[in-house]
PDB file of N, CA and C in Angstrom:
ATOM      1  N   MET A   1      -5.098 -16.716 -25.251  1.00  0.00           N
ATOM      2  CA  MET A   1      -4.830 -17.133 -23.884  1.00  0.00           C
ATOM      3  C   MET A   1      -5.932 -16.600 -22.982  1.00  0.00           C
ATOM      4  N   HIS A   2      -6.451 -17.458 -22.154  1.00  0.00           N
ATOM      5  CA  HIS A   2      -7.540 -17.099 -21.250  1.00  0.00           C
ATOM      6  C   HIS A   2      -6.962 -16.719 -19.881  1.00  0.00           C
ATOM      7  N   VAL A   3      -7.336 -15.546 -19.383  1.00  0.00           N
ATOM      8  CA  VAL A   3      -6.852 -15.077 -18.087  1.00  0.00           C
ATOM      9  C   VAL A   3      -7.701 -15.718 -16.993  1.00  0.00           C
ATOM     10  N   THR A   4      -7.030 -16.372 -16.059  1.00  0.00           N
ATOM     11  CA  THR A   4      -7.725 -17.060 -14.977  1.00  0.00           C
ATOM     12  C   THR A   4      -7.416 -16.394 -13.647  1.00  0.00           C
ATOM     13  N   LEU A   5      -8.001 -16.938 -12.611  1.00  0.00           N
ATOM     14  CA  LEU A   5      -7.769 -16.430 -11.258  1.00  0.00           C
ATOM     15  C   LEU A   5      -6.308 -16.549 -10.871  1.00  0.00           C
ATOM     16  N   THR A   6      -5.653 -17.592 -11.319  1.00  0.00           N
ATOM     17  CA  THR A   6      -4.241 -17.801 -10.987  1.00  0.00           C
ATOM     18  C   THR A   6      -3.378 -16.659 -11.512  1.00  0.00           C
ATOM     19  N   HIS A   7      -3.671 -16.154 -12.686  1.00  0.00           N
ATOM     20  CA  HIS A   7      -2.908 -15.036 -13.235  1.00  0.00           C
ATOM     21  C   HIS A   7      -3.030 -13.797 -12.345  1.00  0.00           C
ATOM     22  N   TYR A   8      -4.231 -13.523 -11.901  1.00  0.00           N
ATOM     23  CA  TYR A   8      -4.437 -12.374 -11.012  1.00  0.00           C
ATOM     24  C   TYR A   8      -3.715 -12.567  -9.679  1.00  0.00           C
ATOM     25  N   LEU A   9      -3.756 -13.772  -9.146  1.00  0.00           N
ATOM     26  CA  LEU A   9      -3.092 -14.038  -7.876  1.00  0.00           C
ATOM     27  C   LEU A   9      -1.577 -13.940  -7.987  1.00  0.00           C
ATOM     28  N   ILE A  10      -1.032 -14.382  -9.101  1.00  0.00           N
ATOM     29  CA  ILE A  10       0.416 -14.261  -9.310  1.00  0.00           C
ATOM     30  C   ILE A  10       0.810 -12.792  -9.439  1.00  0.00           C
ATOM     31  N   ALA A  11       0.051 -12.019 -10.199  1.00  0.00           N
ATOM     32  CA  ALA A  11       0.336 -10.580 -10.329  1.00  0.00           C
ATOM     33  C   ALA A  11       0.219  -9.887  -8.979  1.00  0.00           C
ATOM     34  N   SER A  12      -0.776 -10.266  -8.208  1.00  0.00           N
ATOM     35  CA  SER A  12      -0.952  -9.671  -6.885  1.00  0.00           C
ATOM     36  C   SER A  12       0.185 -10.055  -5.948  1.00  0.00           C
ATOM     37  N   ALA A  13       0.652 -11.289  -6.019  1.00  0.00           N
ATOM     38  CA  ALA A  13       1.763 -11.730  -5.173  1.00  0.00           C
ATOM     39  C   ALA A  13       3.054 -11.001  -5.529  1.00  0.00           C
ATOM     40  N   ILE A  14       3.272 -10.781  -6.818  1.00  0.00           N
ATOM     41  CA  ILE A  14       4.462 -10.038  -7.239  1.00  0.00           C
ATOM     42  C   ILE A  14       4.386  -8.598  -6.746  1.00  0.00           C
ATOM     43  N   LEU A  15       3.226  -7.975  -6.883  1.00  0.00           N
ATOM     44  CA  LEU A  15       3.037  -6.603  -6.415  1.00  0.00           C
ATOM     45  C   LEU A  15       3.195  -6.513  -4.905  1.00  0.00           C
ATOM     46  N   PHE A  16       2.653  -7.504  -4.192  1.00  0.00           N
ATOM     47  CA  PHE A  16       2.798  -7.539  -2.734  1.00  0.00           C
ATOM     48  C   PHE A  16       4.262  -7.700  -2.341  1.00  0.00           C
ATOM     49  N   SER A  17       4.997  -8.528  -3.069  1.00  0.00           N
ATOM     50  CA  SER A  17       6.417  -8.735  -2.768  1.00  0.00           C
ATOM     51  C   SER A  17       7.219  -7.452  -2.971  1.00  0.00           C
ATOM     52  N   PHE A  18       6.941  -6.739  -4.060  1.00  0.00           N
ATOM     53  CA  PHE A  18       7.616  -5.457  -4.282  1.00  0.00           C
ATOM     54  C   PHE A  18       7.296  -4.463  -3.175  1.00  0.00           C
ATOM     55  N   GLY A  19       6.039  -4.421  -2.754  1.00  0.00           N
ATOM     56  CA  GLY A  19       5.645  -3.521  -1.675  1.00  0.00           C
ATOM     57  C   GLY A  19       6.295  -3.889  -0.355  1.00  0.00           C
ATOM     58  N   LEU A  20       6.343  -5.167  -0.052  1.00  0.00           N
ATOM     59  CA  LEU A  20       6.980  -5.614   1.186  1.00  0.00           C
ATOM     60  C   LEU A  20       8.465  -5.313   1.167  1.00  0.00           C
ATOM     61  N   PHE A  21       9.111  -5.497   0.025  1.00  0.00           N
ATOM     62  CA  PHE A  21      10.524  -5.157  -0.103  1.00  0.00           C
ATOM     63  C   PHE A  21      10.741  -3.668   0.118  1.00  0.00           C
ATOM     64  N   ALA A  22       9.870  -2.844  -0.445  1.00  0.00           N
ATOM     65  CA  ALA A  22      10.001  -1.394  -0.281  1.00  0.00           C
ATOM     66  C   ALA A  22       9.822  -0.982   1.175  1.00  0.00           C
ATOM     67  N   VAL A  23       8.921  -1.618   1.877  1.00  0.00           N
ATOM     68  CA  VAL A  23       8.700  -1.270   3.287  1.00  0.00           C
ATOM     69  C   VAL A  23       9.878  -1.719   4.152  1.00  0.00           C
ATOM     70  N   MET A  24      10.400  -2.909   3.877  1.00  0.00           N
ATOM     71  CA  MET A  24      11.447  -3.473   4.727  1.00  0.00           C
ATOM     72  C   MET A  24      12.836  -2.915   4.427  1.00  0.00           C
ATOM     73  N   ALA A  25      13.128  -2.597   3.168  1.00  0.00           N
ATOM     74  CA  ALA A  25      14.495  -2.260   2.789  1.00  0.00           C
ATOM     75  C   ALA A  25      14.766  -0.761   2.678  1.00  0.00           C
ATOM     76  N   ARG A  26      13.773   0.039   2.544  1.00  0.00           N
ATOM     77  CA  ARG A  26      13.998   1.463   2.309  1.00  0.00           C
ATOM     78  C   ARG A  26      14.088   2.227   3.623  1.00  0.00           C
ATOM     79  N   ARG A  27      14.884   3.288   3.577  1.00  0.00           N
ATOM     80  CA  ARG A  27      14.994   4.174   4.732  1.00  0.00           C
ATOM     81  C   ARG A  27      14.164   5.434   4.556  1.00  0.00           C
ATOM     82  N   ASN A  28      13.912   5.794   3.324  1.00  0.00           N
ATOM     83  CA  ASN A  28      13.171   7.004   3.035  1.00  0.00           C
ATOM     84  C   ASN A  28      11.689   6.779   3.348  1.00  0.00           C
ATOM     85  N   ALA A  29      11.095   7.688   4.097  1.00  0.00           N
ATOM     86  CA  ALA A  29       9.703   7.537   4.519  1.00  0.00           C
ATOM     87  C   ALA A  29       8.749   7.567   3.327  1.00  0.00           C
ATOM     88  N   ILE A  30       9.081   8.331   2.293  1.00  0.00           N
ATOM     89  CA  ILE A  30       8.226   8.386   1.119  1.00  0.00           C
ATOM     90  C   ILE A  30       8.214   7.029   0.411  1.00  0.00           C
ATOM     91  N   MET A  31       9.369   6.388   0.329  1.00  0.00           N
ATOM     92  CA  MET A  31       9.435   5.060  -0.298  1.00  0.00           C
ATOM     93  C   MET A  31       8.687   4.015   0.528  1.00  0.00           C
ATOM     94  N   VAL A  32       8.723   4.146   1.836  1.00  0.00           N
ATOM     95  CA  VAL A  32       7.965   3.237   2.702  1.00  0.00           C
ATOM     96  C   VAL A  32       6.473   3.413   2.443  1.00  0.00           C
ATOM     97  N   LEU A  33       6.021   4.649   2.305  1.00  0.00           N
ATOM     98  CA  LEU A  33       4.609   4.907   2.000  1.00  0.00           C
ATOM     99  C   LEU A  33       4.219   4.358   0.634  1.00  0.00           C
ATOM    100  N   MET A  34       5.123   4.456  -0.328  1.00  0.00           N
ATOM    101  CA  MET A  34       4.837   3.890  -1.648  1.00  0.00           C
ATOM    102  C   MET A  34       4.743   2.368  -1.573  1.00  0.00           C
ATOM    103  N   GLY A  35       5.555   1.756  -0.725  1.00  0.00           N
ATOM    104  CA  GLY A  35       5.469   0.312  -0.521  1.00  0.00           C
ATOM    105  C   GLY A  35       4.144  -0.096   0.093  1.00  0.00           C
ATOM    106  N   ILE A  36       3.668   0.698   1.036  1.00  0.00           N
ATOM    107  CA  ILE A  36       2.360   0.413   1.641  1.00  0.00           C
ATOM    108  C   ILE A  36       1.258   0.539   0.598  1.00  0.00           C
ATOM    109  N   GLU A  37       1.381   1.519  -0.279  1.00  0.00           N
ATOM    110  CA  GLU A  37       0.392   1.667  -1.352  1.00  0.00           C
ATOM    111  C   GLU A  37       0.408   0.459  -2.289  1.00  0.00           C
ATOM    112  N   LEU A  38       1.592  -0.073  -2.584  1.00  0.00           N
ATOM    113  CA  LEU A  38       1.678  -1.272  -3.415  1.00  0.00           C
ATOM    114  C   LEU A  38       1.006  -2.461  -2.743  1.00  0.00           C
ATOM    115  N   ILE A  39       1.186  -2.592  -1.455  1.00  0.00           N
ATOM    116  CA  ILE A  39       0.555  -3.687  -0.711  1.00  0.00           C
ATOM    117  C   ILE A  39      -0.967  -3.545  -0.750  1.00  0.00           C
ATOM    118  N   LEU A  40      -1.461  -2.337  -0.559  1.00  0.00           N
ATOM    119  CA  LEU A  40      -2.905  -2.119  -0.619  1.00  0.00           C
ATOM    120  C   LEU A  40      -3.461  -2.378  -2.021  1.00  0.00           C
ATOM    121  N   ASN A  41      -2.698  -2.015  -3.043  1.00  0.00           N
ATOM    122  CA  ASN A  41      -3.153  -2.277  -4.408  1.00  0.00           C
ATOM    123  C   ASN A  41      -3.163  -3.765  -4.723  1.00  0.00           C
ATOM    124  N   SER A  42      -2.228  -4.513  -4.156  1.00  0.00           N
ATOM    125  CA  SER A  42      -2.263  -5.969  -4.366  1.00  0.00           C
ATOM    126  C   SER A  42      -3.492  -6.574  -3.690  1.00  0.00           C
ATOM    127  N   ALA A  43      -3.878  -6.027  -2.556  1.00  0.00           N
ATOM    128  CA  ALA A  43      -5.109  -6.489  -1.906  1.00  0.00           C
ATOM    129  C   ALA A  43      -6.326  -6.158  -2.773  1.00  0.00           C
ATOM    130  N   ASN A  44      -6.311  -5.000  -3.422  1.00  0.00           N
ATOM    131  CA  ASN A  44      -7.407  -4.638  -4.320  1.00  0.00           C
ATOM    132  C   ASN A  44      -7.519  -5.605  -5.491  1.00  0.00           C
ATOM    133  N   ILE A  45      -6.384  -6.005  -6.039  1.00  0.00           N
ATOM    134  CA  ILE A  45      -6.416  -6.978  -7.135  1.00  0.00           C
ATOM    135  C   ILE A  45      -7.044  -8.278  -6.659  1.00  0.00           C
ATOM    136  N   ASN A  46      -6.686  -8.711  -5.461  1.00  0.00           N
ATOM    137  CA  ASN A  46      -7.277  -9.937  -4.907  1.00  0.00           C
ATOM    138  C   ASN A  46      -8.778  -9.791  -4.707  1.00  0.00           C
ATOM    139  N   PHE A  47      -9.220  -8.669  -4.154  1.00  0.00           N
ATOM    140  CA  PHE A  47     -10.651  -8.456  -3.926  1.00  0.00           C
ATOM    141  C   PHE A  47     -11.436  -8.532  -5.243  1.00  0.00           C
ATOM    142  N   ILE A  48     -10.935  -7.837  -6.258  1.00  0.00           N
ATOM    143  CA  ILE A  48     -11.633  -7.805  -7.532  1.00  0.00           C
ATOM    144  C   ILE A  48     -11.605  -9.174  -8.208  1.00  0.00           C
ATOM    145  N   ALA A  49     -10.460  -9.853  -8.154  1.00  0.00           N
ATOM    146  CA  ALA A  49     -10.354 -11.166  -8.795  1.00  0.00           C
ATOM    147  C   ALA A  49     -11.269 -12.186  -8.118  1.00  0.00           C
ATOM    148  N   PHE A  50     -11.287 -12.201  -6.795  1.00  0.00           N
ATOM    149  CA  PHE A  50     -12.161 -13.145  -6.107  1.00  0.00           C
ATOM    150  C   PHE A  50     -13.635 -12.782  -6.273  1.00  0.00           C
ATOM    151  N   ALA A  51     -13.918 -11.503  -6.430  1.00  0.00           N
ATOM    152  CA  ALA A  51     -15.304 -11.108  -6.693  1.00  0.00           C
ATOM    153  C   ALA A  51     -15.740 -11.600  -8.068  1.00  0.00           C
ATOM    154  N   HIS A  52     -14.838 -11.533  -9.017  1.00  0.00           N
ATOM    155  CA  HIS A  52     -15.187 -11.948 -10.385  1.00  0.00           C
ATOM    156  C   HIS A  52     -15.263 -13.465 -10.511  1.00  0.00           C
ATOM    157  N   TYR A  53     -14.273 -14.157  -9.992  1.00  0.00           N
ATOM    158  CA  TYR A  53     -14.207 -15.606 -10.178  1.00  0.00           C
ATOM    159  C   TYR A  53     -14.850 -16.388  -9.040  1.00  0.00           C
ATOM    160  N   GLY A  54     -15.047 -15.781  -7.885  1.00  0.00           N
ATOM    161  CA  GLY A  54     -15.595 -16.500  -6.747  1.00  0.00           C
ATOM    162  C   GLY A  54     -17.083 -16.318  -6.549  1.00  0.00           C
ATOM    163  N   GLY A  55     -17.721 -15.495  -7.356  1.00  0.00           N
ATOM    164  CA  GLY A  55     -19.157 -15.315  -7.259  1.00  0.00           C
ATOM    165  C   GLY A  55     -19.600 -14.380  -6.147  1.00  0.00           C
ATOM    166  N   MET A  56     -18.720 -13.468  -5.700  1.00  0.00           N
ATOM    167  CA  MET A  56     -19.110 -12.534  -4.649  1.00  0.00           C
ATOM    168  C   MET A  56     -19.874 -11.337  -5.204  1.00  0.00           C
ATOM    169  N   HIS A  57     -19.949 -11.211  -6.484  1.00  0.00           N
ATOM    170  CA  HIS A  57     -20.661 -10.151  -7.193  1.00  0.00           C
ATOM    171  C   HIS A  57     -20.115  -8.781  -6.811  1.00  0.00           C
ATOM    172  N   LEU A  58     -20.829  -7.977  -6.058  1.00  0.00           N
ATOM    173  CA  LEU A  58     -20.380  -6.616  -5.758  1.00  0.00           C
ATOM    174  C   LEU A  58     -19.617  -6.504  -4.445  1.00  0.00           C
ATOM    175  N   ASP A  59     -19.516  -7.567  -3.682  1.00  0.00           N
ATOM    176  CA  ASP A  59     -18.812  -7.482  -2.402  1.00  0.00           C
ATOM    177  C   ASP A  59     -17.339  -7.159  -2.589  1.00  0.00           C
ATOM    178  N   GLY A  60     -16.701  -7.759  -3.559  1.00  0.00           N
ATOM    179  CA  GLY A  60     -15.289  -7.490  -3.826  1.00  0.00           C
ATOM    180  C   GLY A  60     -15.053  -6.069  -4.297  1.00  0.00           C
ATOM    181  N   GLN A  61     -15.942  -5.565  -5.147  1.00  0.00           N
ATOM    182  CA  GLN A  61     -15.803  -4.189  -5.617  1.00  0.00           C
ATOM    183  C   GLN A  61     -15.993  -3.199  -4.476  1.00  0.00           C
ATOM    184  N   MET A  62     -16.925  -3.469  -3.599  1.00  0.00           N
ATOM    185  CA  MET A  62     -17.147  -2.574  -2.458  1.00  0.00           C
ATOM    186  C   MET A  62     -15.944  -2.588  -1.512  1.00  0.00           C
ATOM    187  N   ALA A  63     -15.371  -3.748  -1.304  1.00  0.00           N
ATOM    188  CA  ALA A  63     -14.171  -3.830  -0.464  1.00  0.00           C
ATOM    189  C   ALA A  63     -13.014  -3.086  -1.119  1.00  0.00           C
ATOM    190  N   ALA A  64     -12.874  -3.194  -2.434  1.00  0.00           N
ATOM    191  CA  ALA A  64     -11.803  -2.490  -3.143  1.00  0.00           C
ATOM    192  C   ALA A  64     -11.995  -0.977  -3.058  1.00  0.00           C
ATOM    193  N   ILE A  65     -13.220  -0.502  -3.189  1.00  0.00           N
ATOM    194  CA  ILE A  65     -13.481   0.932  -3.051  1.00  0.00           C
ATOM    195  C   ILE A  65     -13.157   1.404  -1.634  1.00  0.00           C
ATOM    196  N   PHE A  66     -13.486   0.586  -0.635  1.00  0.00           N
ATOM    197  CA  PHE A  66     -13.147   0.920   0.748  1.00  0.00           C
ATOM    198  C   PHE A  66     -11.637   1.007   0.923  1.00  0.00           C
ATOM    199  N   VAL A  67     -10.888   0.089   0.324  1.00  0.00           N
ATOM    200  CA  VAL A  67      -9.425   0.113   0.428  1.00  0.00           C
ATOM    201  C   VAL A  67      -8.855   1.335  -0.282  1.00  0.00           C
ATOM    202  N   ILE A  68      -9.427   1.720  -1.415  1.00  0.00           N
ATOM    203  CA  ILE A  68      -8.964   2.914  -2.117  1.00  0.00           C
ATOM    204  C   ILE A  68      -9.193   4.158  -1.267  1.00  0.00           C
ATOM    205  N   ILE A  69     -10.350   4.255  -0.626  1.00  0.00           N
ATOM    206  CA  ILE A  69     -10.632   5.394   0.257  1.00  0.00           C
ATOM    207  C   ILE A  69      -9.677   5.386   1.441  1.00  0.00           C
ATOM    208  N   LEU A  70      -9.437   4.213   2.005  1.00  0.00           N
ATOM    209  CA  LEU A  70      -8.491   4.083   3.116  1.00  0.00           C
ATOM    210  C   LEU A  70      -7.090   4.490   2.691  1.00  0.00           C
ATOM    211  N   ALA A  71      -6.673   4.112   1.495  1.00  0.00           N
ATOM    212  CA  ALA A  71      -5.344   4.467   1.007  1.00  0.00           C
ATOM    213  C   ALA A  71      -5.215   5.975   0.792  1.00  0.00           C
ATOM    214  N   ALA A  72      -6.265   6.610   0.321  1.00  0.00           N
ATOM    215  CA  ALA A  72      -6.220   8.062   0.137  1.00  0.00           C
ATOM    216  C   ALA A  72      -6.094   8.780   1.478  1.00  0.00           C
ATOM    217  N   CYS A  73      -6.840   8.328   2.466  1.00  0.00           N
ATOM    218  CA  CYS A  73      -6.745   8.928   3.801  1.00  0.00           C
ATOM    219  C   CYS A  73      -5.371   8.672   4.411  1.00  0.00           C
ATOM    220  N   GLU A  74      -4.870   7.461   4.234  1.00  0.00           N
ATOM    221  CA  GLU A  74      -3.547   7.119   4.763  1.00  0.00           C
ATOM    222  C   GLU A  74      -2.473   7.974   4.122  1.00  0.00           C
ATOM    223  N   ALA A  75      -2.573   8.191   2.829  1.00  0.00           N
ATOM    224  CA  ALA A  75      -1.577   9.006   2.137  1.00  0.00           C
ATOM    225  C   ALA A  75      -1.606  10.448   2.627  1.00  0.00           C
ATOM    226  N   ALA A  76      -2.781  11.001   2.831  1.00  0.00           N
ATOM    227  CA  ALA A  76      -2.883  12.388   3.298  1.00  0.00           C
ATOM    228  C   ALA A  76      -2.307  12.545   4.697  1.00  0.00           C
ATOM    229  N   VAL A  77      -2.671  11.650   5.599  1.00  0.00           N
ATOM    230  CA  VAL A  77      -2.177  11.748   6.976  1.00  0.00           C
ATOM    231  C   VAL A  77      -0.683  11.452   7.036  1.00  0.00           C
ATOM    232  N   ALA A  78      -0.234  10.441   6.317  1.00  0.00           N
ATOM    233  CA  ALA A  78       1.178  10.074   6.360  1.00  0.00           C
ATOM    234  C   ALA A  78       2.055  11.158   5.753  1.00  0.00           C
ATOM    235  N   LEU A  79       1.620  11.768   4.659  1.00  0.00           N
ATOM    236  CA  LEU A  79       2.408  12.847   4.079  1.00  0.00           C
ATOM    237  C   LEU A  79       2.461  14.061   4.998  1.00  0.00           C
ATOM    238  N   ALA A  80       1.392  14.323   5.714  1.00  0.00           N
ATOM    239  CA  ALA A  80       1.422  15.414   6.694  1.00  0.00           C
ATOM    240  C   ALA A  80       2.424  15.108   7.808  1.00  0.00           C
ATOM    241  N   ILE A  81       2.462  13.863   8.247  1.00  0.00           N
ATOM    242  CA  ILE A  81       3.430  13.472   9.281  1.00  0.00           C
ATOM    243  C   ILE A  81       4.854  13.578   8.748  1.00  0.00           C
ATOM    244  N   VAL A  82       5.077  13.135   7.514  1.00  0.00           N
ATOM    245  CA  VAL A  82       6.419  13.207   6.928  1.00  0.00           C
ATOM    246  C   VAL A  82       6.857  14.658   6.778  1.00  0.00           C
ATOM    247  N   LEU A  83       5.971  15.541   6.356  1.00  0.00           N
ATOM    248  CA  LEU A  83       6.318  16.960   6.250  1.00  0.00           C
ATOM    249  C   LEU A  83       6.644  17.555   7.609  1.00  0.00           C
ATOM    250  N   ASN A  84       5.910  17.165   8.627  1.00  0.00           N
ATOM    251  CA  ASN A  84       6.191  17.631   9.979  1.00  0.00           C
ATOM    252  C   ASN A  84       7.541  17.122  10.480  1.00  0.00           C
ATOM    253  N   ILE A  85       7.843  15.869  10.193  1.00  0.00           N
ATOM    254  CA  ILE A  85       9.144  15.307  10.581  1.00  0.00           C
ATOM    255  C   ILE A  85      10.264  16.028   9.846  1.00  0.00           C
ATOM    256  N   TYR A  86      10.060  16.336   8.567  1.00  0.00           N
ATOM    257  CA  TYR A  86      11.085  17.048   7.814  1.00  0.00           C
ATOM    258  C   TYR A  86      11.327  18.443   8.382  1.00  0.00           C
ATOM    259  N   GLN A  87      10.272  19.113   8.821  1.00  0.00           N
ATOM    260  CA  GLN A  87      10.450  20.437   9.422  1.00  0.00           C
ATOM    261  C   GLN A  87      11.221  20.361  10.731  1.00  0.00           C
ATOM    262  N   GLN A  88      11.018  19.308  11.499  1.00  0.00           N
ATOM    263  CA  GLN A  88      11.689  19.174  12.796  1.00  0.00           C
ATOM    264  C   GLN A  88      13.133  18.691  12.666  1.00  0.00           C
ATOM    265  N   PHE A  89      13.370  17.697  11.803  1.00  0.00           N
ATOM    266  CA  PHE A  89      14.671  17.031  11.766  1.00  0.00           C
ATOM    267  C   PHE A  89      15.454  17.258  10.475  1.00  0.00           C
ATOM    268  N   ASN A  90      14.881  17.906   9.484  1.00  0.00           N
ATOM    269  CA  ASN A  90      15.500  18.148   8.178  1.00  0.00           C
ATOM    270  C   ASN A  90      15.921  16.863   7.477  1.00  0.00           C
ATOM    271  N   THR A  91      15.206  15.796   7.688  1.00  0.00           N
ATOM    272  CA  THR A  91      15.441  14.534   7.008  1.00  0.00           C
ATOM    273  C   THR A  91      14.142  13.743   6.966  1.00  0.00           C
ATOM    274  N   VAL A  92      14.037  12.856   5.986  1.00  0.00           N
ATOM    275  CA  VAL A  92      12.889  11.962   5.929  1.00  0.00           C
ATOM    276  C   VAL A  92      13.320  10.508   6.070  1.00  0.00           C
ATOM    277  N   ASN A  93      14.580  10.277   6.437  1.00  0.00           N
ATOM    278  CA  ASN A  93      15.052   8.918   6.683  1.00  0.00           C
ATOM    279  C   ASN A  93      14.522   8.442   8.025  1.00  0.00           C
ATOM    280  N   VAL A  94      13.868   7.303   8.007  1.00  0.00           N
ATOM    281  CA  VAL A  94      13.219   6.814   9.222  1.00  0.00           C
ATOM    282  C   VAL A  94      14.235   6.334  10.247  1.00  0.00           C
ATOM    283  N   ASP A  95      15.452   5.986   9.837  1.00  0.00           N
ATOM    284  CA  ASP A  95      16.469   5.560  10.795  1.00  0.00           C
ATOM    285  C   ASP A  95      17.062   6.725  11.580  1.00  0.00           C
ATOM    286  N   GLU A  96      17.080   7.915  10.990  1.00  0.00           N
ATOM    287  CA  GLU A  96      17.668   9.073  11.646  1.00  0.00           C
ATOM    288  C   GLU A  96      16.703   9.756  12.602  1.00  0.00           C
ATOM    289  N   VAL A  97      15.448   9.476  12.490  1.00  0.00           N
ATOM    290  CA  VAL A  97      14.450  10.089  13.356  1.00  0.00           C
ATOM    291  C   VAL A  97      14.178   9.111  14.499  1.00  0.00           C
ATOM    292  N   ASP A  98      14.837   9.352  15.624  1.00  0.00           N
ATOM    293  CA  ASP A  98      14.687   8.429  16.735  1.00  0.00           C
ATOM    294  C   ASP A  98      14.066   9.067  17.967  1.00  0.00           C
ATOM    295  N   THR A  99      13.953  10.369  17.999  1.00  0.00           N
ATOM    296  CA  THR A  99      13.309  11.022  19.131  1.00  0.00           C
ATOM    297  C   THR A  99      12.151  11.858  18.625  1.00  0.00           C
ATOM    298  N   LEU A 100      10.989  11.634  19.173  1.00  0.00           N
ATOM    299  CA  LEU A 100       9.817  12.426  18.802  1.00  0.00           C
ATOM    300  C   LEU A 100       9.253  13.153  20.013  1.00  0.00           C
ATOM    301  N   LYS A 101      10.057  13.286  21.066  1.00  0.00           N
ATOM    302  CA  LYS A 101       9.567  13.935  22.282  1.00  0.00           C
ATOM    303  C   LYS A 101       9.500  15.448  22.143  1.00  0.00           C
ATOM    304  N   ASP A 102      10.357  16.038  21.335  1.00  0.00           N
ATOM    305  CA  ASP A 102      10.435  17.491  21.234  1.00  0.00           C
ATOM    306  C   ASP A 102       9.297  18.092  20.524  1.00  0.00           C
TER     307      ASP A 102
END
């Protein structure tokens, strides 16, 4: 069986759907962050697949590396925010944290 661009796009769409579900349905901030990571990884699959099959050569790989660096920075900052929220409110549920003025 020959793997085509359609296979990569279907895998990316499934991964994006799981990530979107995790962001929309979960209350736990850590699960929301994991959903965002899934969405970013689905974008990476698209970048690499279009670079390979679309003739972009290294442009897709460079965009994927940029997204990986962005995801690492996002994870570090977001986890610091979640730890700070946990220290203030003793919960990581995003529905229970409604005041950030204090």
